Amino acid sequence: MKTKKLTEALERVEAWPADIQNELAEFAIELDTGLKGGEYEPTPEELAGIDRGLRAAAEGRFATDSQVEAVFAKFRGR
């Protein structure tokens, strides 16, 4: 059974480019795996990003409060 909101979303998705539809499908499959208690397997790109973040943290490279606020302000305005 699909909810009305999901049905509406899927109708809109049909107009998206195929590569974006595939990204959404991958995300949905990840959600489904989580709901079934399966373990999430990060992609090599995600693992590389995690490694970069851990290295940056170990080196003490963090955004300042003003940098973080500037990013939030940028996206709040949208």
Protein backbone atom coordinates (compact mmCIF):
# COMPACT_ATOMS: atom_id res chain seq x y z
CA MET A 1 0.00 0.00 0.00
CA LYS A 2 1.30 3.45 -0.93
CA THR A 3 0.35 6.59 0.90
CA LYS A 4 -1.08 9.52 -1.04
CA LYS A 5 2.08 11.52 -0.39
CA LEU A 6 4.33 8.72 -1.69
CA THR A 7 2.17 8.32 -4.79
CA GLU A 8 2.47 12.04 -5.50
CA ALA A 9 6.23 11.96 -4.99
CA LEU A 10 6.67 8.97 -7.31
CA GLU A 11 4.66 10.71 -10.01
CA ARG A 12 7.02 13.69 -9.82
CA VAL A 13 10.10 11.46 -9.80
CA GLU A 14 9.11 9.99 -13.15
CA ALA A 15 10.11 13.29 -14.77
CA TRP A 16 13.59 13.26 -13.22
CA PRO A 17 16.70 12.23 -15.18
CA ALA A 18 17.51 8.51 -14.92
CA ASP A 19 20.69 9.02 -12.90
CA ILE A 20 18.83 11.00 -10.25
CA GLN A 21 16.06 8.38 -10.16
CA ASN A 22 18.76 5.75 -9.55
CA GLU A 23 20.20 7.78 -6.66
CA LEU A 24 16.75 7.94 -5.07
CA ALA A 25 16.29 4.20 -5.57
CA GLU A 26 19.64 3.48 -3.90
CA PHE A 27 18.65 5.65 -0.95
CA ALA A 28 15.29 3.88 -0.65
CA ILE A 29 17.03 0.49 -0.67
CA GLU A 30 19.37 1.67 2.10
CA LEU A 31 16.34 2.77 4.16
CA ASP A 32 14.68 -0.58 3.58
CA THR A 33 17.80 -2.43 4.67
CA GLY A 34 17.86 -0.41 7.88
CA LEU A 35 14.20 -1.17 8.56
CA LYS A 36 14.89 -4.88 8.21
CA GLY A 37 17.78 -4.74 10.67
CA GLY A 38 20.45 -5.27 8.03
CA GLU A 39 23.87 -3.73 8.31
CA TYR A 40 24.68 -0.70 6.21
CA GLU A 41 27.70 -1.07 3.95
CA PRO A 42 29.24 2.30 3.13
CA THR A 43 30.48 2.88 -0.40
CA PRO A 44 34.21 3.36 -1.05
CA GLU A 45 33.51 7.08 -1.55
CA GLU A 46 31.74 7.29 1.82
CA LEU A 47 34.61 5.44 3.51
CA ALA A 48 37.09 7.87 1.97
CA GLY A 49 35.02 10.79 3.26
CA ILE A 50 34.93 9.28 6.73
CA ASP A 51 38.71 8.86 6.65
CA ARG A 52 39.16 12.50 5.55
CA GLY A 53 36.95 13.66 8.39
CA LEU A 54 38.78 11.58 10.96
CA ARG A 55 42.15 12.91 9.74
CA ALA A 56 40.87 16.48 9.87
CA ALA A 57 39.57 15.97 13.40
CA ALA A 58 42.85 14.40 14.52
CA GLU A 59 44.65 17.45 13.12
CA GLY A 60 42.27 19.80 14.93
CA ARG A 61 40.82 21.23 11.71
CA PHE A 62 37.33 22.37 12.60
CA ALA A 63 35.14 25.16 11.30
CA THR A 64 34.89 28.20 13.53
CA ASP A 65 31.56 29.20 15.03
CA SER A 66 31.35 32.13 12.60
CA GLN A 67 32.03 29.86 9.60
CA VAL A 68 29.30 27.48 10.69
CA GLU A 69 26.87 30.34 11.25
CA ALA A 70 27.68 31.74 7.78
CA VAL A 71 26.78 28.42 6.16
CA PHE A 72 23.54 28.14 8.13
CA ALA A 73 22.64 31.73 7.23
CA LYS A 74 23.26 31.01 3.54
CA PHE A 75 20.87 28.06 3.48
CA ARG A 76 18.25 29.56 5.78
CA GLY A 77 17.71 32.27 3.19
CA ARG A 78 16.65 29.79 0.52
